[in-house]
PDB file of N, CA and C in Angstrom:
ATOM      1  N   MET A   1     -23.764  -3.961 -88.592  1.00  0.00           N
ATOM      2  CA  MET A   1     -23.982  -4.649 -87.351  1.00  0.00           C
ATOM      3  C   MET A   1     -23.216  -5.973 -87.375  1.00  0.00           C
ATOM      4  N   PRO A   2     -22.726  -6.395 -86.237  1.00  0.00           N
ATOM      5  CA  PRO A   2     -21.966  -7.650 -86.203  1.00  0.00           C
ATOM      6  C   PRO A   2     -22.880  -8.857 -86.414  1.00  0.00           C
ATOM      7  N   ASP A   3     -22.321  -9.878 -87.079  1.00  0.00           N
ATOM      8  CA  ASP A   3     -23.044 -11.141 -87.253  1.00  0.00           C
ATOM      9  C   ASP A   3     -22.884 -12.028 -86.026  1.00  0.00           C
ATOM     10  N   GLU A   4     -21.713 -11.932 -85.390  1.00  0.00           N
ATOM     11  CA  GLU A   4     -21.394 -12.762 -84.237  1.00  0.00           C
ATOM     12  C   GLU A   4     -20.596 -11.959 -83.224  1.00  0.00           C
ATOM     13  N   VAL A   5     -20.665 -12.403 -81.976  1.00  0.00           N
ATOM     14  CA  VAL A   5     -19.828 -11.851 -80.916  1.00  0.00           C
ATOM     15  C   VAL A   5     -19.016 -13.007 -80.350  1.00  0.00           C
ATOM     16  N   HIS A   6     -17.707 -12.826 -80.250  1.00  0.00           N
ATOM     17  CA  HIS A   6     -16.819 -13.811 -79.627  1.00  0.00           C
ATOM     18  C   HIS A   6     -16.104 -13.122 -78.475  1.00  0.00           C
ATOM     19  N   VAL A   7     -15.870 -13.868 -77.401  1.00  0.00           N
ATOM     20  CA  VAL A   7     -15.166 -13.325 -76.241  1.00  0.00           C
ATOM     21  C   VAL A   7     -13.980 -14.219 -75.927  1.00  0.00           C
ATOM     22  N   LEU A   8     -12.816 -13.599 -75.756  1.00  0.00           N
ATOM     23  CA  LEU A   8     -11.612 -14.277 -75.279  1.00  0.00           C
ATOM     24  C   LEU A   8     -11.379 -13.794 -73.861  1.00  0.00           C
ATOM     25  N   SER A   9     -11.265 -14.723 -72.918  1.00  0.00           N
ATOM     26  CA  SER A   9     -11.086 -14.320 -71.525  1.00  0.00           C
ATOM     27  C   SER A   9     -10.502 -15.473 -70.729  1.00  0.00           C
ATOM     28  N   THR A  10     -10.219 -15.197 -69.479  1.00  0.00           N
ATOM     29  CA  THR A  10      -9.796 -16.254 -68.558  1.00  0.00           C
ATOM     30  C   THR A  10     -11.019 -17.101 -68.207  1.00  0.00           C
ATOM     31  N   GLN A  11     -10.785 -18.252 -67.603  1.00  0.00           N
ATOM     32  CA  GLN A  11     -11.902 -19.106 -67.194  1.00  0.00           C
ATOM     33  C   GLN A  11     -12.811 -18.376 -66.207  1.00  0.00           C
ATOM     34  N   ASP A  12     -12.214 -17.645 -65.274  1.00  0.00           N
ATOM     35  CA  ASP A  12     -13.026 -16.884 -64.316  1.00  0.00           C
ATOM     36  C   ASP A  12     -13.892 -15.840 -65.026  1.00  0.00           C
ATOM     37  N   GLY A  13     -13.311 -15.145 -65.986  1.00  0.00           N
ATOM     38  CA  GLY A  13     -14.063 -14.145 -66.738  1.00  0.00           C
ATOM     39  C   GLY A  13     -15.215 -14.760 -67.508  1.00  0.00           C
ATOM     40  N   LEU A  14     -14.962 -15.915 -68.131  1.00  0.00           N
ATOM     41  CA  LEU A  14     -16.024 -16.584 -68.885  1.00  0.00           C
ATOM     42  C   LEU A  14     -17.129 -17.079 -67.964  1.00  0.00           C
ATOM     43  N   ASN A  15     -16.766 -17.535 -66.777  1.00  0.00           N
ATOM     44  CA  ASN A  15     -17.791 -17.957 -65.813  1.00  0.00           C
ATOM     45  C   ASN A  15     -18.697 -16.787 -65.442  1.00  0.00           C
ATOM     46  N   GLN A  16     -18.111 -15.611 -65.267  1.00  0.00           N
ATOM     47  CA  GLN A  16     -18.905 -14.423 -64.948  1.00  0.00           C
ATOM     48  C   GLN A  16     -19.815 -14.040 -66.110  1.00  0.00           C
ATOM     49  N   ILE A  17     -19.293 -14.134 -67.325  1.00  0.00           N
ATOM     50  CA  ILE A  17     -20.100 -13.820 -68.509  1.00  0.00           C
ATOM     51  C   ILE A  17     -21.271 -14.782 -68.615  1.00  0.00           C
ATOM     52  N   ARG A  18     -21.007 -16.082 -68.446  1.00  0.00           N
ATOM     53  CA  ARG A  18     -22.098 -17.068 -68.510  1.00  0.00           C
ATOM     54  C   ARG A  18     -23.188 -16.737 -67.487  1.00  0.00           C
ATOM     55  N   LYS A  19     -22.769 -16.426 -66.283  1.00  0.00           N
ATOM     56  CA  LYS A  19     -23.731 -16.128 -65.214  1.00  0.00           C
ATOM     57  C   LYS A  19     -24.490 -14.838 -65.489  1.00  0.00           C
ATOM     58  N   ARG A  20     -23.770 -13.775 -65.740  1.00  0.00           N
ATOM     59  CA  ARG A  20     -24.405 -12.457 -65.836  1.00  0.00           C
ATOM     60  C   ARG A  20     -25.156 -12.239 -67.144  1.00  0.00           C
ATOM     61  N   LEU A  21     -24.568 -12.633 -68.254  1.00  0.00           N
ATOM     62  CA  LEU A  21     -25.208 -12.361 -69.544  1.00  0.00           C
ATOM     63  C   LEU A  21     -26.234 -13.409 -69.942  1.00  0.00           C
ATOM     64  N   PHE A  22     -25.954 -14.674 -69.645  1.00  0.00           N
ATOM     65  CA  PHE A  22     -26.843 -15.727 -70.124  1.00  0.00           C
ATOM     66  C   PHE A  22     -27.791 -16.243 -69.044  1.00  0.00           C
ATOM     67  N   GLU A  23     -27.282 -16.659 -67.901  1.00  0.00           N
ATOM     68  CA  GLU A  23     -28.154 -17.190 -66.851  1.00  0.00           C
ATOM     69  C   GLU A  23     -29.085 -16.120 -66.297  1.00  0.00           C
ATOM     70  N   ASP A  24     -28.587 -14.915 -66.141  1.00  0.00           N
ATOM     71  CA  ASP A  24     -29.412 -13.820 -65.621  1.00  0.00           C
ATOM     72  C   ASP A  24     -30.256 -13.149 -66.713  1.00  0.00           C
ATOM     73  N   GLY A  25     -30.073 -13.542 -67.981  1.00  0.00           N
ATOM     74  CA  GLY A  25     -30.897 -13.043 -69.072  1.00  0.00           C
ATOM     75  C   GLY A  25     -30.552 -11.663 -69.588  1.00  0.00           C
ATOM     76  N   VAL A  26     -29.392 -11.142 -69.237  1.00  0.00           N
ATOM     77  CA  VAL A  26     -29.022  -9.783 -69.639  1.00  0.00           C
ATOM     78  C   VAL A  26     -28.854  -9.669 -71.156  1.00  0.00           C
ATOM     79  N   PHE A  27     -28.210 -10.649 -71.783  1.00  0.00           N
ATOM     80  CA  PHE A  27     -28.009 -10.554 -73.237  1.00  0.00           C
ATOM     81  C   PHE A  27     -29.340 -10.655 -73.981  1.00  0.00           C
ATOM     82  N   ALA A  28     -30.224 -11.526 -73.545  1.00  0.00           N
ATOM     83  CA  ALA A  28     -31.545 -11.642 -74.177  1.00  0.00           C
ATOM     84  C   ALA A  28     -32.308 -10.325 -74.063  1.00  0.00           C
ATOM     85  N   GLN A  29     -32.243  -9.684 -72.914  1.00  0.00           N
ATOM     86  CA  GLN A  29     -32.913  -8.394 -72.732  1.00  0.00           C
ATOM     87  C   GLN A  29     -32.285  -7.320 -73.620  1.00  0.00           C
ATOM     88  N   PHE A  30     -30.964  -7.338 -73.735  1.00  0.00           N
ATOM     89  CA  PHE A  30     -30.258  -6.387 -74.597  1.00  0.00           C
ATOM     90  C   PHE A  30     -30.743  -6.515 -76.042  1.00  0.00           C
ATOM     91  N   LYS A  31     -30.893  -7.754 -76.512  1.00  0.00           N
ATOM     92  CA  LYS A  31     -31.370  -7.971 -77.879  1.00  0.00           C
ATOM     93  C   LYS A  31     -32.824  -7.530 -78.040  1.00  0.00           C
ATOM     94  N   ARG A  32     -33.633  -7.677 -77.007  1.00  0.00           N
ATOM     95  CA  ARG A  32     -35.016  -7.180 -77.074  1.00  0.00           C
ATOM     96  C   ARG A  32     -35.038  -5.653 -77.100  1.00  0.00           C
ATOM     97  N   ASP A  33     -34.145  -5.037 -76.341  1.00  0.00           N
ATOM     98  CA  ASP A  33     -34.082  -3.574 -76.301  1.00  0.00           C
ATOM     99  C   ASP A  33     -33.571  -2.982 -77.610  1.00  0.00           C
ATOM    100  N   TYR A  34     -32.730  -3.725 -78.310  1.00  0.00           N
ATOM    101  CA  TYR A  34     -32.135  -3.268 -79.573  1.00  0.00           C
ATOM    102  C   TYR A  34     -32.422  -4.305 -80.653  1.00  0.00           C
ATOM    103  N   PRO A  35     -33.618  -4.278 -81.243  1.00  0.00           N
ATOM    104  CA  PRO A  35     -34.037  -5.295 -82.210  1.00  0.00           C
ATOM    105  C   PRO A  35     -33.098  -5.450 -83.404  1.00  0.00           C
ATOM    106  N   ILE A  36     -32.341  -4.421 -83.728  1.00  0.00           N
ATOM    107  CA  ILE A  36     -31.404  -4.528 -84.847  1.00  0.00           C
ATOM    108  C   ILE A  36     -30.355  -5.617 -84.587  1.00  0.00           C
ATOM    109  N   LEU A  37     -30.149  -5.965 -83.323  1.00  0.00           N
ATOM    110  CA  LEU A  37     -29.166  -6.988 -82.950  1.00  0.00           C
ATOM    111  C   LEU A  37     -29.780  -8.376 -82.787  1.00  0.00           C
ATOM    112  N   GLU A  38     -31.059  -8.522 -83.072  1.00  0.00           N
ATOM    113  CA  GLU A  38     -31.762  -9.782 -82.831  1.00  0.00           C
ATOM    114  C   GLU A  38     -31.093 -10.981 -83.509  1.00  0.00           C
ATOM    115  N   GLN A  39     -30.515 -10.788 -84.685  1.00  0.00           N
ATOM    116  CA  GLN A  39     -29.892 -11.896 -85.414  1.00  0.00           C
ATOM    117  C   GLN A  39     -28.426 -12.124 -85.045  1.00  0.00           C
ATOM    118  N   THR A  40     -27.875 -11.304 -84.176  1.00  0.00           N
ATOM    119  CA  THR A  40     -26.478 -11.447 -83.772  1.00  0.00           C
ATOM    120  C   THR A  40     -26.297 -12.725 -82.970  1.00  0.00           C
ATOM    121  N   LYS A  41     -25.353 -13.554 -83.396  1.00  0.00           N
ATOM    122  CA  LYS A  41     -25.088 -14.826 -82.727  1.00  0.00           C
ATOM    123  C   LYS A  41     -24.092 -14.618 -81.589  1.00  0.00           C
ATOM    124  N   PHE A  42     -24.463 -15.104 -80.425  1.00  0.00           N
ATOM    125  CA  PHE A  42     -23.586 -15.064 -79.259  1.00  0.00           C
ATOM    126  C   PHE A  42     -24.040 -16.189 -78.351  1.00  0.00           C
ATOM    127  N   ASP A  43     -23.469 -17.349 -78.575  1.00  0.00           N
ATOM    128  CA  ASP A  43     -23.861 -18.579 -77.898  1.00  0.00           C
ATOM    129  C   ASP A  43     -22.745 -18.991 -76.942  1.00  0.00           C
ATOM    130  N   PRO A  44     -23.056 -19.220 -75.669  1.00  0.00           N
ATOM    131  CA  PRO A  44     -21.992 -19.563 -74.723  1.00  0.00           C
ATOM    132  C   PRO A  44     -21.248 -20.848 -75.075  1.00  0.00           C
ATOM    133  N   ALA A  45     -21.868 -21.736 -75.812  1.00  0.00           N
ATOM    134  CA  ALA A  45     -21.206 -22.993 -76.173  1.00  0.00           C
ATOM    135  C   ALA A  45     -20.197 -22.811 -77.301  1.00  0.00           C
ATOM    136  N   ASN A  46     -20.399 -21.816 -78.150  1.00  0.00           N
ATOM    137  CA  ASN A  46     -19.557 -21.669 -79.341  1.00  0.00           C
ATOM    138  C   ASN A  46     -18.793 -20.355 -79.442  1.00  0.00           C
ATOM    139  N   HIS A  47     -19.145 -19.375 -78.644  1.00  0.00           N
ATOM    140  CA  HIS A  47     -18.571 -18.045 -78.828  1.00  0.00           C
ATOM    141  C   HIS A  47     -17.761 -17.530 -77.645  1.00  0.00           C
ATOM    142  N   LEU A  48     -17.560 -18.369 -76.642  1.00  0.00           N
ATOM    143  CA  LEU A  48     -16.722 -17.999 -75.499  1.00  0.00           C
ATOM    144  C   LEU A  48     -15.462 -18.848 -75.544  1.00  0.00           C
ATOM    145  N   HIS A  49     -14.310 -18.208 -75.525  1.00  0.00           N
ATOM    146  CA  HIS A  49     -13.031 -18.898 -75.694  1.00  0.00           C
ATOM    147  C   HIS A  49     -12.109 -18.565 -74.525  1.00  0.00           C
ATOM    148  N   VAL A  50     -11.582 -19.608 -73.898  1.00  0.00           N
ATOM    149  CA  VAL A  50     -10.725 -19.414 -72.731  1.00  0.00           C
ATOM    150  C   VAL A  50      -9.278 -19.199 -73.165  1.00  0.00           C
ATOM    151  N   ILE A  51      -8.612 -18.280 -72.495  1.00  0.00           N
ATOM    152  CA  ILE A  51      -7.187 -18.033 -72.702  1.00  0.00           C
ATOM    153  C   ILE A  51      -6.450 -18.764 -71.586  1.00  0.00           C
ATOM    154  N   THR A  52      -5.473 -19.560 -71.960  1.00  0.00           N
ATOM    155  CA  THR A  52      -4.687 -20.271 -70.951  1.00  0.00           C
ATOM    156  C   THR A  52      -3.232 -19.848 -71.033  1.00  0.00           C
ATOM    157  N   ASP A  53      -2.527 -20.018 -69.944  1.00  0.00           N
ATOM    158  CA  ASP A  53      -1.110 -19.695 -69.876  1.00  0.00           C
ATOM    159  C   ASP A  53      -0.324 -20.898 -70.377  1.00  0.00           C
ATOM    160  N   GLN A  54       0.336 -20.749 -71.493  1.00  0.00           N
ATOM    161  CA  GLN A  54       1.089 -21.840 -72.103  1.00  0.00           C
ATOM    162  C   GLN A  54       2.575 -21.780 -71.766  1.00  0.00           C
ATOM    163  N   MET A  55       2.967 -20.875 -70.872  1.00  0.00           N
ATOM    164  CA  MET A  55       4.383 -20.728 -70.533  1.00  0.00           C
ATOM    165  C   MET A  55       4.877 -21.955 -69.775  1.00  0.00           C
ATOM    166  N   VAL A  56       6.097 -22.329 -70.055  1.00  0.00           N
ATOM    167  CA  VAL A  56       6.724 -23.472 -69.398  1.00  0.00           C
ATOM    168  C   VAL A  56       7.619 -22.952 -68.278  1.00  0.00           C
ATOM    169  N   SER A  57       7.540 -23.568 -67.119  1.00  0.00           N
ATOM    170  CA  SER A  57       8.413 -23.168 -66.010  1.00  0.00           C
ATOM    171  C   SER A  57       9.854 -23.482 -66.353  1.00  0.00           C
ATOM    172  N   LEU A  58      10.736 -22.548 -66.081  1.00  0.00           N
ATOM    173  CA  LEU A  58      12.161 -22.752 -66.368  1.00  0.00           C
ATOM    174  C   LEU A  58      12.912 -23.140 -65.128  1.00  0.00           C
TER     175      LEU A  58
END
């Protein structure tokens, strides 16, 4: 079983994850439904990473 979950996404994607998984309680319910995952770390402050476009305009 995973120790941690990390997500790489766009800012819009991370906003949706924060809303749907954390604010709406979906991830907490998932962990209750599957007790084997109770210790899995997935914290929106530390495990969500934004991908940005670093390309320079030519």
